[in-house]
Amino acid sequence: MPRVYRCAFCGREIPPGTGMTYVKKDGTILRFCSRKCRVSMLEMKRDPRKLKWTLKYKKQA
C-alpha cells in the first residue's frame, strides 16, 4: 500500500503519484501538493497560518 504524505505548506493529503518533492541543502525533505504551495513557502515565504485556503489556518481558528 503506497504511503500518503501531507503537504509541507497547506497540510492537505497528497494522493500517490502526484505532488512535488523538494530537498533542502540540510537534507530536509519537503513535499508539496501543488506549485501554489511550493512557491508560497519557498519563494514568497508566506505563513500558512495566515492564509484562509490552508488547513493549518483552519486548525488554528
PDB file of N, CA and C in Angstrom:
ATOM      1  N   MET A   1       0.839  -1.177   0.000  1.00  0.00           N
ATOM      2  CA  MET A   1       0.000   0.000   0.000  1.00  0.00           C
ATOM      3  C   MET A   1       0.887   1.245   0.000  1.00  0.00           C
ATOM      4  N   PRO A   2       0.676   2.179  -0.956  1.00  0.00           N
ATOM      5  CA  PRO A   2       1.515   3.374  -1.014  1.00  0.00           C
ATOM      6  C   PRO A   2       1.266   4.299   0.172  1.00  0.00           C
ATOM      7  N   ARG A   3       2.321   4.958   0.574  1.00  0.00           N
ATOM      8  CA  ARG A   3       2.232   5.866   1.707  1.00  0.00           C
ATOM      9  C   ARG A   3       1.614   7.195   1.267  1.00  0.00           C
ATOM     10  N   VAL A   4       0.766   7.756   2.101  1.00  0.00           N
ATOM     11  CA  VAL A   4       0.130   9.035   1.811  1.00  0.00           C
ATOM     12  C   VAL A   4       0.868  10.109   2.610  1.00  0.00           C
ATOM     13  N   TYR A   5       1.364  11.133   1.898  1.00  0.00           N
ATOM     14  CA  TYR A   5       2.093  12.225   2.536  1.00  0.00           C
ATOM     15  C   TYR A   5       1.193  13.436   2.679  1.00  0.00           C
ATOM     16  N   ARG A   6       1.622  14.385   3.505  1.00  0.00           N
ATOM     17  CA  ARG A   6       0.910  15.645   3.683  1.00  0.00           C
ATOM     18  C   ARG A   6       1.764  16.774   3.125  1.00  0.00           C
ATOM     19  N   CYS A   7       1.108  17.768   2.592  1.00  0.00           N
ATOM     20  CA  CYS A   7       1.794  18.930   2.039  1.00  0.00           C
ATOM     21  C   CYS A   7       2.488  19.695   3.169  1.00  0.00           C
ATOM     22  N   ALA A   8       3.739  20.094   2.938  1.00  0.00           N
ATOM     23  CA  ALA A   8       4.508  20.812   3.951  1.00  0.00           C
ATOM     24  C   ALA A   8       3.956  22.210   4.201  1.00  0.00           C
ATOM     25  N   PHE A   9       3.208  22.758   3.252  1.00  0.00           N
ATOM     26  CA  PHE A   9       2.688  24.113   3.411  1.00  0.00           C
ATOM     27  C   PHE A   9       1.246  24.126   3.899  1.00  0.00           C
ATOM     28  N   CYS A  10       0.333  23.519   3.139  1.00  0.00           N
ATOM     29  CA  CYS A  10      -1.088  23.648   3.482  1.00  0.00           C
ATOM     30  C   CYS A  10      -1.595  22.527   4.387  1.00  0.00           C
ATOM     31  N   GLY A  11      -0.926  21.376   4.404  1.00  0.00           N
ATOM     32  CA  GLY A  11      -1.329  20.286   5.287  1.00  0.00           C
ATOM     33  C   GLY A  11      -2.281  19.286   4.662  1.00  0.00           C
ATOM     34  N   ARG A  12      -2.648  19.457   3.396  1.00  0.00           N
ATOM     35  CA  ARG A  12      -3.559  18.510   2.737  1.00  0.00           C
ATOM     36  C   ARG A  12      -2.836  17.225   2.373  1.00  0.00           C
ATOM     37  N   GLU A  13      -3.596  16.140   2.239  1.00  0.00           N
ATOM     38  CA  GLU A  13      -3.021  14.872   1.815  1.00  0.00           C
ATOM     39  C   GLU A  13      -2.647  14.936   0.341  1.00  0.00           C
ATOM     40  N   ILE A  14      -1.535  14.299  -0.009  1.00  0.00           N
ATOM     41  CA  ILE A  14      -1.077  14.255  -1.391  1.00  0.00           C
ATOM     42  C   ILE A  14      -1.353  12.854  -1.920  1.00  0.00           C
ATOM     43  N   PRO A  15      -2.223  12.704  -2.922  1.00  0.00           N
ATOM     44  CA  PRO A  15      -2.502  11.379  -3.485  1.00  0.00           C
ATOM     45  C   PRO A  15      -1.245  10.763  -4.096  1.00  0.00           C
ATOM     46  N   PRO A  16      -1.091   9.446  -4.039  1.00  0.00           N
ATOM     47  CA  PRO A  16       0.086   8.797  -4.628  1.00  0.00           C
ATOM     48  C   PRO A  16       0.216   9.117  -6.124  1.00  0.00           C
ATOM     49  N   GLY A  17       1.448   9.400  -6.545  1.00  0.00           N
ATOM     50  CA  GLY A  17       1.717   9.693  -7.942  1.00  0.00           C
ATOM     51  C   GLY A  17       1.570  11.155  -8.300  1.00  0.00           C
ATOM     52  N   THR A  18       1.271  12.010  -7.339  1.00  0.00           N
ATOM     53  CA  THR A  18       1.121  13.437  -7.608  1.00  0.00           C
ATOM     54  C   THR A  18       2.009  14.220  -6.654  1.00  0.00           C
ATOM     55  N   GLY A  19       2.054  15.521  -6.837  1.00  0.00           N
ATOM     56  CA  GLY A  19       2.804  16.382  -5.945  1.00  0.00           C
ATOM     57  C   GLY A  19       4.266  16.502  -6.338  1.00  0.00           C
ATOM     58  N   MET A  20       5.006  17.297  -5.554  1.00  0.00           N
ATOM     59  CA  MET A  20       6.422  17.555  -5.811  1.00  0.00           C
ATOM     60  C   MET A  20       7.208  17.356  -4.528  1.00  0.00           C
ATOM     61  N   THR A  21       8.450  16.922  -4.680  1.00  0.00           N
ATOM     62  CA  THR A  21       9.348  16.758  -3.549  1.00  0.00           C
ATOM     63  C   THR A  21      10.491  17.742  -3.692  1.00  0.00           C
ATOM     64  N   TYR A  22      10.803  18.450  -2.617  1.00  0.00           N
ATOM     65  CA  TYR A  22      11.895  19.421  -2.597  1.00  0.00           C
ATOM     66  C   TYR A  22      12.827  19.034  -1.461  1.00  0.00           C
ATOM     67  N   VAL A  23      14.124  18.913  -1.764  1.00  0.00           N
ATOM     68  CA  VAL A  23      15.113  18.557  -0.746  1.00  0.00           C
ATOM     69  C   VAL A  23      16.009  19.764  -0.507  1.00  0.00           C
ATOM     70  N   LYS A  24      16.042  20.236   0.734  1.00  0.00           N
ATOM     71  CA  LYS A  24      16.868  21.383   1.093  1.00  0.00           C
ATOM     72  C   LYS A  24      18.325  20.947   1.247  1.00  0.00           C
ATOM     73  N   LYS A  25      19.231  21.902   1.299  1.00  0.00           N
ATOM     74  CA  LYS A  25      20.664  21.606   1.403  1.00  0.00           C
ATOM     75  C   LYS A  25      21.009  20.846   2.670  1.00  0.00           C
ATOM     76  N   ASP A  26      20.221  21.043   3.746  1.00  0.00           N
ATOM     77  CA  ASP A  26      20.494  20.348   5.003  1.00  0.00           C
ATOM     78  C   ASP A  26      19.891  18.948   5.040  1.00  0.00           C
ATOM     79  N   GLY A  27      19.246  18.527   3.951  1.00  0.00           N
ATOM     80  CA  GLY A  27      18.690  17.181   3.864  1.00  0.00           C
ATOM     81  C   GLY A  27      17.221  17.084   4.224  1.00  0.00           C
ATOM     82  N   THR A  28      16.600  18.180   4.607  1.00  0.00           N
ATOM     83  CA  THR A  28      15.182  18.183   4.944  1.00  0.00           C
ATOM     84  C   THR A  28      14.347  17.952   3.689  1.00  0.00           C
ATOM     85  N   ILE A  29      13.392  17.044   3.756  1.00  0.00           N
ATOM     86  CA  ILE A  29      12.528  16.746   2.618  1.00  0.00           C
ATOM     87  C   ILE A  29      11.189  17.440   2.815  1.00  0.00           C
ATOM     88  N   LEU A  30      10.814  18.257   1.828  1.00  0.00           N
ATOM     89  CA  LEU A  30       9.530  18.951   1.846  1.00  0.00           C
ATOM     90  C   LEU A  30       8.699  18.430   0.686  1.00  0.00           C
ATOM     91  N   ARG A  31       7.451  18.083   0.942  1.00  0.00           N
ATOM     92  CA  ARG A  31       6.555  17.604  -0.109  1.00  0.00           C
ATOM     93  C   ARG A  31       5.419  18.599  -0.273  1.00  0.00           C
ATOM     94  N   PHE A  32       5.110  18.924  -1.528  1.00  0.00           N
ATOM     95  CA  PHE A  32       4.080  19.909  -1.831  1.00  0.00           C
ATOM     96  C   PHE A  32       3.019  19.304  -2.726  1.00  0.00           C
ATOM     97  N   CYS A  33       1.761  19.693  -2.513  1.00  0.00           N
ATOM     98  CA  CYS A  33       0.655  19.180  -3.312  1.00  0.00           C
ATOM     99  C   CYS A  33       0.511  19.936  -4.623  1.00  0.00           C
ATOM    100  N   SER A  34       0.992  21.184  -4.682  1.00  0.00           N
ATOM    101  CA  SER A  34       0.834  21.988  -5.888  1.00  0.00           C
ATOM    102  C   SER A  34       1.947  23.019  -5.995  1.00  0.00           C
ATOM    103  N   ARG A  35       2.033  23.633  -7.166  1.00  0.00           N
ATOM    104  CA  ARG A  35       3.003  24.702  -7.381  1.00  0.00           C
ATOM    105  C   ARG A  35       2.661  25.899  -6.500  1.00  0.00           C
ATOM    106  N   LYS A  36       1.386  26.132  -6.293  1.00  0.00           N
ATOM    107  CA  LYS A  36       0.916  27.234  -5.451  1.00  0.00           C
ATOM    108  C   LYS A  36       1.518  27.133  -4.046  1.00  0.00           C
ATOM    109  N   CYS A  37       1.522  25.948  -3.480  1.00  0.00           N
ATOM    110  CA  CYS A  37       2.074  25.742  -2.141  1.00  0.00           C
ATOM    111  C   CYS A  37       3.599  25.890  -2.143  1.00  0.00           C
ATOM    112  N   ARG A  38       4.262  25.318  -3.148  1.00  0.00           N
ATOM    113  CA  ARG A  38       5.723  25.383  -3.233  1.00  0.00           C
ATOM    114  C   ARG A  38       6.208  26.830  -3.346  1.00  0.00           C
ATOM    115  N   VAL A  39       5.602  27.600  -4.229  1.00  0.00           N
ATOM    116  CA  VAL A  39       6.002  28.994  -4.422  1.00  0.00           C
ATOM    117  C   VAL A  39       5.679  29.827  -3.186  1.00  0.00           C
ATOM    118  N   SER A  40       4.538  29.582  -2.567  1.00  0.00           N
ATOM    119  CA  SER A  40       4.149  30.343  -1.375  1.00  0.00           C
ATOM    120  C   SER A  40       5.144  30.145  -0.238  1.00  0.00           C
ATOM    121  N   MET A  41       5.648  28.931  -0.089  1.00  0.00           N
ATOM    122  CA  MET A  41       6.555  28.657   1.012  1.00  0.00           C
ATOM    123  C   MET A  41       7.998  29.049   0.694  1.00  0.00           C
ATOM    124  N   LEU A  42       8.501  28.629  -0.455  1.00  0.00           N
ATOM    125  CA  LEU A  42       9.922  28.800  -0.743  1.00  0.00           C
ATOM    126  C   LEU A  42      10.274  30.170  -1.307  1.00  0.00           C
ATOM    127  N   GLU A  43       9.464  30.712  -2.193  1.00  0.00           N
ATOM    128  CA  GLU A  43       9.807  31.971  -2.835  1.00  0.00           C
ATOM    129  C   GLU A  43       9.196  33.178  -2.125  1.00  0.00           C
ATOM    130  N   MET A  44       7.926  33.061  -1.733  1.00  0.00           N
ATOM    131  CA  MET A  44       7.251  34.192  -1.105  1.00  0.00           C
ATOM    132  C   MET A  44       7.362  34.182   0.415  1.00  0.00           C
ATOM    133  N   LYS A  45       7.807  33.052   0.981  1.00  0.00           N
ATOM    134  CA  LYS A  45       8.000  32.902   2.432  1.00  0.00           C
ATOM    135  C   LYS A  45       6.760  33.300   3.224  1.00  0.00           C
ATOM    136  N   ARG A  46       5.614  32.815   2.779  1.00  0.00           N
ATOM    137  CA  ARG A  46       4.349  33.119   3.453  1.00  0.00           C
ATOM    138  C   ARG A  46       4.143  32.212   4.664  1.00  0.00           C
ATOM    139  N   ASP A  47       3.334  32.677   5.590  1.00  0.00           N
ATOM    140  CA  ASP A  47       2.978  31.899   6.773  1.00  0.00           C
ATOM    141  C   ASP A  47       1.646  31.195   6.492  1.00  0.00           C
ATOM    142  N   PRO A  48       1.609  29.863   6.466  1.00  0.00           N
ATOM    143  CA  PRO A  48       0.367  29.165   6.135  1.00  0.00           C
ATOM    144  C   PRO A  48      -0.760  29.403   7.138  1.00  0.00           C
ATOM    145  N   ARG A  49      -0.436  29.823   8.339  1.00  0.00           N
ATOM    146  CA  ARG A  49      -1.471  30.086   9.341  1.00  0.00           C
ATOM    147  C   ARG A  49      -2.245  31.360   9.052  1.00  0.00           C
ATOM    148  N   LYS A  50      -1.760  32.187   8.109  1.00  0.00           N
ATOM    149  CA  LYS A  50      -2.426  33.448   7.784  1.00  0.00           C
ATOM    150  C   LYS A  50      -3.216  33.384   6.485  1.00  0.00           C
ATOM    151  N   LEU A  51      -3.227  32.229   5.814  1.00  0.00           N
ATOM    152  CA  LEU A  51      -3.941  32.083   4.543  1.00  0.00           C
ATOM    153  C   LEU A  51      -5.165  31.200   4.743  1.00  0.00           C
ATOM    154  N   LYS A  52      -6.334  31.707   4.383  1.00  0.00           N
ATOM    155  CA  LYS A  52      -7.592  31.009   4.652  1.00  0.00           C
ATOM    156  C   LYS A  52      -7.748  29.693   3.906  1.00  0.00           C
ATOM    157  N   TRP A  53      -7.036  29.494   2.785  1.00  0.00           N
ATOM    158  CA  TRP A  53      -7.211  28.279   1.999  1.00  0.00           C
ATOM    159  C   TRP A  53      -6.375  27.105   2.506  1.00  0.00           C
ATOM    160  N   THR A  54      -5.587  27.269   3.550  1.00  0.00           N
ATOM    161  CA  THR A  54      -4.769  26.182   4.073  1.00  0.00           C
ATOM    162  C   THR A  54      -5.464  25.493   5.251  1.00  0.00           C
ATOM    163  N   LEU A  55      -5.145  24.240   5.453  1.00  0.00           N
ATOM    164  CA  LEU A  55      -5.707  23.506   6.592  1.00  0.00           C
ATOM    165  C   LEU A  55      -5.082  23.981   7.902  1.00  0.00           C
ATOM    166  N   LYS A  56      -3.853  24.475   7.832  1.00  0.00           N
ATOM    167  CA  LYS A  56      -3.196  24.977   9.050  1.00  0.00           C
ATOM    168  C   LYS A  56      -3.896  26.229   9.576  1.00  0.00           C
ATOM    169  N   TYR A  57      -4.502  27.018   8.683  1.00  0.00           N
ATOM    170  CA  TYR A  57      -5.299  28.177   9.110  1.00  0.00           C
ATOM    171  C   TYR A  57      -6.550  27.705   9.836  1.00  0.00           C
ATOM    172  N   LYS A  58      -7.189  26.679   9.304  1.00  0.00           N
ATOM    173  CA  LYS A  58      -8.442  26.177   9.879  1.00  0.00           C
ATOM    174  C   LYS A  58      -8.213  25.510  11.223  1.00  0.00           C
ATOM    175  N   LYS A  59      -7.047  24.854  11.402  1.00  0.00           N
ATOM    176  CA  LYS A  59      -6.748  24.216  12.688  1.00  0.00           C
ATOM    177  C   LYS A  59      -6.508  25.254  13.770  1.00  0.00           C
ATOM    178  N   GLN A  60      -5.970  26.409  13.380  1.00  0.00           N
ATOM    179  CA  GLN A  60      -5.649  27.451  14.342  1.00  0.00           C
ATOM    180  C   GLN A  60      -6.908  28.125  14.874  1.00  0.00           C
ATOM    181  N   ALA A  61      -7.910  28.290  14.018  1.00  0.00           N
ATOM    182  CA  ALA A  61      -9.128  29.013  14.395  1.00  0.00           C
ATOM    183  C   ALA A  61     -10.017  28.240  15.341  1.00  0.00           C
TER     184      ALA A  61
END
